[in-house]
Protein backbone atom coordinates (compact mmCIF):
# COMPACT_ATOMS: atom_id res chain seq x y z
CA MET A 1 98.23 121.35 88.39
CA SER A 2 99.08 123.68 85.47
CA GLY A 3 106.94 93.41 91.16
CA HIS A 4 108.90 92.24 88.13
CA ASP A 5 110.64 89.13 87.22
CA HIS A 6 114.16 89.74 88.49
CA ASP A 7 115.35 86.46 87.51
CA HIS A 8 115.18 86.72 83.85
CA HIS A 9 118.10 87.95 81.26
CA ASN A 10 117.97 90.98 78.99
CA GLU A 11 118.49 89.26 75.58
CA ASP A 12 119.94 92.06 73.70
CA ASN A 13 122.73 92.80 76.08
CA GLY A 14 123.34 89.52 78.45
CA VAL A 15 122.96 91.58 81.63
CA SER A 16 120.63 90.03 84.05
CA ARG A 17 117.79 92.11 85.46
CA ARG A 18 118.76 90.83 88.86
CA LYS A 19 122.35 92.18 88.14
CA VAL A 20 120.82 95.83 87.24
CA LEU A 21 118.82 96.02 90.09
CA GLU A 22 121.63 95.28 92.37
CA CYS A 23 123.87 98.10 90.56
CA MET A 24 121.83 100.91 92.48
CA THR A 25 123.59 103.92 91.80
CA TRP A 26 124.39 106.76 94.21
CA ALA A 27 124.91 108.90 91.17
CA SER A 28 127.87 111.44 91.68
CA THR A 29 127.86 115.30 91.09
CA GLY A 30 126.25 116.00 87.68
CA VAL A 31 126.46 113.22 85.38
CA LEU A 32 123.84 112.69 82.35
CA TRP A 33 122.74 109.02 81.67
CA THR A 34 120.73 107.67 78.78
CA ILE A 35 119.49 104.34 78.52
CA SER A 36 120.18 101.76 75.73
CA GLY A 37 119.50 98.49 75.87
CA GLY A 38 117.90 98.75 79.25
CA VAL A 39 121.25 99.67 80.61
CA PRO A 40 122.09 103.07 82.16
CA ARG A 41 125.26 104.70 80.07
CA SER A 42 126.90 108.10 81.47
CA LEU A 43 127.70 110.65 78.57
CA GLY A 44 129.75 112.93 80.67
CA ILE A 45 129.63 115.17 83.41
CA VAL A 46 127.06 118.06 83.38
CA GLY A 47 129.52 120.98 82.34
CA SER A 48 130.50 119.20 79.13
CA ALA A 49 127.37 117.35 78.48
CA ALA A 50 125.14 120.63 78.65
CA ALA A 51 127.33 122.52 76.76
CA ALA A 52 125.86 121.14 73.66
CA GLU A 53 121.95 122.24 73.23
CA PRO A 54 119.62 119.34 73.47
CA ALA A 55 117.64 117.80 70.71
CA GLY A 56 114.20 117.12 71.69
CA MET A 57 112.10 117.86 74.56
CA THR A 58 113.42 118.87 77.85
CA PHE A 59 111.76 119.21 81.05
CA LEU A 60 112.88 119.93 84.80
CA GLN A 61 112.11 117.92 87.97
CA ILE A 62 112.27 119.84 91.10
CA SER A 63 111.58 118.30 94.34
CA ASP A 64 111.17 118.83 98.31
CA SER A 65 111.57 122.35 98.32
CA HIS A 66 110.08 122.68 102.06
CA VAL A 67 109.41 126.03 102.09
CA GLY A 68 109.39 127.16 106.02
CA PHE A 69 111.73 124.50 107.56
CA ASP A 70 114.29 126.31 109.36
CA LYS A 71 116.19 123.99 111.10
CA PRO A 72 120.15 123.99 111.54
CA ALA A 73 120.01 121.54 108.59
CA ASN A 74 119.42 124.04 106.58
CA PRO A 75 117.99 127.59 108.25
CA ASN A 76 117.09 129.30 104.83
CA ALA A 77 115.33 126.61 102.59
CA ILE A 78 113.32 129.47 100.76
CA GLY A 79 116.75 130.90 100.15
CA THR A 80 118.37 127.87 98.40
CA LEU A 81 115.22 127.17 96.28
CA GLU A 82 115.46 130.64 95.05
CA GLU A 83 118.98 129.52 94.11
CA ALA A 84 117.45 126.38 92.43
CA ILE A 85 114.69 128.73 90.37
CA ASN A 86 117.50 130.95 89.38
CA GLN A 87 119.61 128.16 88.22
CA VAL A 88 116.52 127.07 86.26
CA ARG A 89 116.08 130.57 84.72
CA GLY A 90 120.04 130.72 83.24
CA ILE A 91 119.46 127.10 81.35
CA PRO A 92 119.97 128.62 77.60
CA ALA A 93 117.27 126.38 76.04
CA LYS A 94 113.92 126.79 77.97
CA PRO A 95 112.60 123.76 78.83
CA SER A 96 109.09 122.75 77.71
CA PHE A 97 107.84 122.46 81.68
CA MET A 98 108.66 121.58 85.37
CA ILE A 99 107.64 118.83 87.21
CA HIS A 100 107.77 119.08 91.43
CA THR A 101 107.36 115.94 93.08
CA GLY A 102 105.85 117.06 96.55
CA ASP A 103 106.63 118.12 99.81
CA ILE A 104 106.59 122.10 97.96
CA THR A 105 106.35 123.17 101.57
CA HIS A 106 107.52 121.82 105.34
CA LEU A 107 104.21 122.68 107.39
CA SER A 108 101.24 123.16 104.84
CA LYS A 109 100.77 126.76 105.76
CA ALA A 110 99.06 129.03 103.46
CA LYS A 111 101.99 131.45 103.76
CA GLU A 112 104.29 128.67 102.82
CA PHE A 113 102.68 127.75 99.48
CA ASP A 114 102.24 131.38 99.11
CA ASP A 115 106.43 131.67 99.24
CA ALA A 116 106.58 128.41 97.18
CA ASP A 117 104.33 129.99 94.45
CA ARG A 118 105.66 133.08 94.34
CA ILE A 119 109.22 132.07 93.94
CA ILE A 120 108.61 129.02 91.59
CA SER A 121 107.02 131.54 89.33
CA GLN A 122 109.75 132.97 88.32
CA ALA A 123 111.09 130.05 86.13
CA LYS A 124 108.19 131.12 84.36
CA LEU A 125 107.44 127.39 83.17
CA ASP A 126 104.27 125.50 83.50
CA VAL A 127 104.43 123.58 86.54
CA HIS A 128 102.83 120.04 87.38
CA TYR A 129 102.54 119.07 90.73
CA VAL A 130 102.11 115.97 92.99
CA PRO A 131 102.09 116.39 96.71
CA GLY A 132 104.10 115.30 99.42
CA GLU A 133 103.06 114.28 102.89
CA HIS A 134 104.17 117.86 103.81
CA ASP A 135 101.75 119.60 101.70
CA ILE A 136 98.70 117.82 103.13
CA ILE A 137 98.73 118.38 106.93
CA ASP A 138 96.47 121.30 107.17
CA GLU A 139 93.62 120.47 109.17
CA GLU A 140 91.16 120.40 106.76
CA VAL A 141 93.52 119.12 103.85
CA LYS A 142 92.42 121.48 101.39
CA LEU A 143 94.99 124.26 100.72
CA TYR A 144 97.12 121.81 98.30
CA LYS A 145 94.06 120.82 96.30
CA GLU A 146 92.92 124.37 95.85
CA ARG A 147 95.86 125.15 94.30
CA TYR A 148 97.02 122.45 92.43
CA GLY A 149 94.22 120.15 92.46
CA LYS A 150 92.18 121.42 90.00
CA GLY A 151 91.30 119.00 87.07
CA THR A 152 92.27 116.22 89.16
CA LYS A 153 90.78 112.86 90.16
CA GLY A 154 90.66 111.69 93.52
CA ALA A 155 93.42 112.99 95.72
CA GLY A 156 95.27 114.70 93.05
CA TRP A 157 96.14 112.06 90.26
CA TYR A 158 95.88 113.21 86.90
CA SER A 159 98.15 112.58 83.31
CA PHE A 160 98.84 114.27 80.34
CA ASP A 161 100.34 114.37 76.71
CA ALA A 162 103.70 116.37 75.74
CA GLY A 163 105.82 115.65 73.13
CA GLY A 164 104.83 112.23 72.42
CA VAL A 165 105.42 111.28 75.98
CA HIS A 166 102.34 110.36 78.19
CA PHE A 167 102.74 111.81 81.62
CA ILE A 168 101.11 110.00 84.92
CA GLY A 169 101.13 112.15 88.11
CA LEU A 170 100.30 109.77 91.25
CA VAL A 171 99.46 110.50 94.74
CA ASN A 172 100.86 107.98 97.22
CA VAL A 173 101.07 110.09 100.52
CA VAL A 174 97.71 110.08 101.74
CA ASP A 175 97.39 106.96 103.31
CA LEU A 176 100.48 105.86 104.37
CA LYS A 177 101.22 102.70 105.67
CA GLY A 178 103.38 100.59 108.53
CA GLY A 179 106.84 102.17 108.85
CA GLY A 180 105.74 105.29 106.35
CA LEU A 181 105.30 103.15 103.59
CA GLY A 182 103.56 104.91 100.59
CA ASN A 183 100.38 103.72 99.33
CA LEU A 184 98.28 104.35 95.92
CA GLY A 185 94.90 102.47 96.84
CA ASN A 186 92.49 100.61 94.59
CA ASP A 187 90.84 103.68 93.00
CA GLN A 188 94.13 105.27 91.87
CA LEU A 189 95.21 102.10 90.44
CA GLU A 190 92.29 101.10 88.86
CA TRP A 191 92.45 104.71 87.24
CA LEU A 192 96.07 104.26 86.13
CA GLU A 193 95.11 101.02 84.52
CA ASN A 194 92.36 102.52 82.56
CA ASP A 195 94.41 105.46 81.70
CA LEU A 196 96.82 103.17 80.10
CA LYS A 197 94.70 100.79 78.43
CA GLY A 198 94.58 101.22 74.76
CA ARG A 199 97.53 103.46 74.47
CA SER A 200 100.36 102.30 71.62
CA LYS A 201 103.12 100.17 73.81
CA SER A 202 105.96 102.18 72.13
CA THR A 203 104.49 105.33 73.98
CA PRO A 204 107.18 106.67 76.38
CA ILE A 205 105.89 106.52 79.93
CA VAL A 206 106.71 109.03 82.56
CA LEU A 207 105.13 108.19 85.71
CA PHE A 208 105.85 110.55 88.99
CA ALA A 209 104.86 110.76 92.44
CA HIS A 210 106.14 111.87 95.67
CA ILE A 211 107.47 108.51 97.90
CA PRO A 212 109.77 105.79 95.47
CA LEU A 213 107.21 103.56 93.66
CA TRP A 214 109.89 100.77 94.19
CA THR A 215 111.43 99.68 97.37
CA VAL A 216 114.81 101.68 98.05
CA TYR A 217 114.57 100.97 102.18
CA PRO A 218 111.52 99.94 103.93
CA GLN A 219 112.83 100.35 107.22
CA TRP A 220 112.37 104.15 106.47
CA GLY A 221 109.31 104.18 104.50
CA TRP A 222 111.40 104.51 101.70
CA GLY A 223 108.88 102.72 99.14
CA THR A 224 105.22 102.06 98.21
CA GLU A 225 103.31 99.38 99.65
CA ASP A 226 101.45 98.79 96.52
CA GLY A 227 104.04 100.40 94.14
CA GLY A 228 104.66 97.00 92.20
CA ARG A 229 100.94 96.76 91.02
CA ALA A 230 101.55 100.06 89.32
CA LEU A 231 104.57 98.98 87.71
CA GLU A 232 102.70 95.96 86.46
CA TYR A 233 100.47 97.81 84.19
CA VAL A 234 103.46 99.87 82.77
CA LYS A 235 106.00 96.96 82.15
CA GLY A 236 104.80 96.13 78.75
CA PHE A 237 106.14 99.61 77.51
CA GLY A 238 109.25 99.95 75.61
CA SER A 239 109.97 103.16 77.73
CA VAL A 240 109.29 103.84 81.42
CA THR A 241 110.96 106.24 83.58
CA VAL A 242 109.58 106.79 87.32
CA LEU A 243 110.65 109.96 89.00
CA ASN A 244 110.43 110.65 92.77
CA GLY A 245 111.79 112.74 95.56
CA HIS A 246 111.16 112.17 99.39
CA ILE A 247 114.69 111.11 99.76
CA HIS A 248 116.40 113.68 98.83
CA GLN A 249 119.11 112.35 97.18
CA VAL A 250 120.01 111.03 93.88
CA MET A 251 119.66 107.30 93.53
CA GLN A 252 118.95 105.41 90.23
CA LYS A 253 118.45 101.74 88.70
CA VAL A 254 117.28 100.24 85.76
CA GLU A 255 115.19 97.28 85.38
CA GLY A 256 114.26 96.00 82.05
CA ASN A 257 112.72 99.08 80.19
CA VAL A 258 111.86 100.93 83.50
CA THR A 259 114.47 103.52 84.74
CA PHE A 260 113.75 104.76 88.33
CA HIS A 261 115.22 108.15 89.67
CA THR A 262 114.77 110.20 92.62
CA ALA A 263 115.79 113.40 93.04
CA ARG A 264 117.94 115.76 95.23
CA SER A 265 116.13 118.24 97.68
CA THR A 266 116.07 122.09 97.20
CA ALA A 267 116.29 122.27 100.94
CA PHE A 268 118.09 120.12 102.97
CA PRO A 269 120.15 116.13 102.50
CA GLN A 270 119.04 112.95 104.22
CA PRO A 271 121.29 110.37 105.03
CA ALA A 272 122.04 107.25 102.63
CA PRO A 273 119.84 104.12 103.41
CA GLY A 274 120.73 102.67 106.65
CA SER A 275 123.79 105.18 107.54
CA ALA A 276 121.88 106.71 110.44
CA PRO A 277 119.50 105.41 113.39
CA SER A 278 116.76 107.48 111.60
CA PRO A 279 115.76 109.61 107.85
CA GLY A 280 115.61 113.07 108.42
CA PRO A 281 117.37 116.44 107.77
CA MET A 282 121.10 115.70 107.85
CA LYS A 283 123.12 118.70 108.86
CA VAL A 284 126.77 118.85 106.66
CA GLU A 285 129.07 121.40 106.77
CA ASP A 286 128.20 124.67 105.08
CA ALA A 287 130.37 124.80 102.54
CA LYS A 288 128.94 120.95 101.31
CA LEU A 289 125.04 122.13 101.70
CA ARG A 290 124.99 123.09 98.18
CA SER A 291 126.32 120.23 96.68
CA MET A 292 123.67 117.86 98.20
CA LEU A 293 120.98 120.17 96.87
CA GLY A 294 119.96 120.69 93.27
CA VAL A 295 117.75 119.87 90.38
CA ALA A 296 117.22 117.31 87.57
CA SER A 297 116.91 118.43 83.79
CA ILE A 298 115.24 115.47 81.87
CA ASN A 299 115.35 114.93 78.00
CA PHE A 300 113.65 113.14 75.67
CA LYS A 301 114.35 112.69 71.60
CA GLN A 302 111.48 111.73 69.63
CA GLY A 303 111.73 108.45 67.52
CA THR A 304 115.00 107.18 70.10
CA GLU A 305 112.47 106.54 73.09
CA ARG A 306 115.52 107.38 75.52
CA LEU A 307 115.21 109.71 78.19
CA ALA A 308 118.71 111.33 79.09
CA ILE A 309 118.52 112.73 83.22
CA ILE A 310 120.93 115.24 83.96
CA ASP A 311 121.30 115.84 87.92
CA THR A 312 122.70 119.11 88.73
CA PRO A 313 124.00 120.67 92.12
CA LEU A 314 123.14 124.16 93.37
CA GLN A 315 126.72 124.12 93.95
CA GLY A 316 129.77 121.62 93.04
């Protein structure tokens, strides 16, 4: 690696948590969000918000590069990953590091991992990985672990601290449940509970995993069966951000002090929940493809305990 109580009211602003939960935002292109009082507020579009150099620590999220994918939805997934990394290289203020939330490859082949490493390394950033289900389908399930699992626990989970924030990389793709739902398992959950013990509740927490830890659309396996237990362990912290990939589109919700955010893919889009017979690569007009792919930049300023997220498409 280099279930909450939805019915209580937020006493600060009178907005019910249930209402916030229902206001799931299919974010428009390139909007900068910050969290205040448990409610997301837009600070402006990427062009204007990113013009000012951010204060504090900034890190990037990239996801679902699917190196090796070559179907009609994007015959050149390796090319769009290169475009994404070129975009990263062009950021004026160098981020502290990058997180990849899984599906680095499409078929877990050695060459796919080699190609991904070659391209992603051009960002010249430390990268912290968690696997997607496409990264662990090699026969002996070892290629991902050999490259990115050194120093991790179990199937590859780990934690680290940076800039006053505690980061926790979780693995929820090893033992998928009915319908493809993610699963963390008792061993990992017990480790998570112990990892958080003794930490100040004012410490900002960032959880990241491939499949969303919250239930987006269980009919398509877009959720984690035991994710609620993980969220119970962090609900007492003042600022919690949960970053995921897997669904290839931006979706955000806020519940209390927990902000959930899913990232775009750099390879291909997927349909919105329930808008197609099933999930999977979605073919769009060539001119529209790059507006549906991209990366996310997350900023944390010490003392404010707010993480602001900018979603930037490859084009748009």
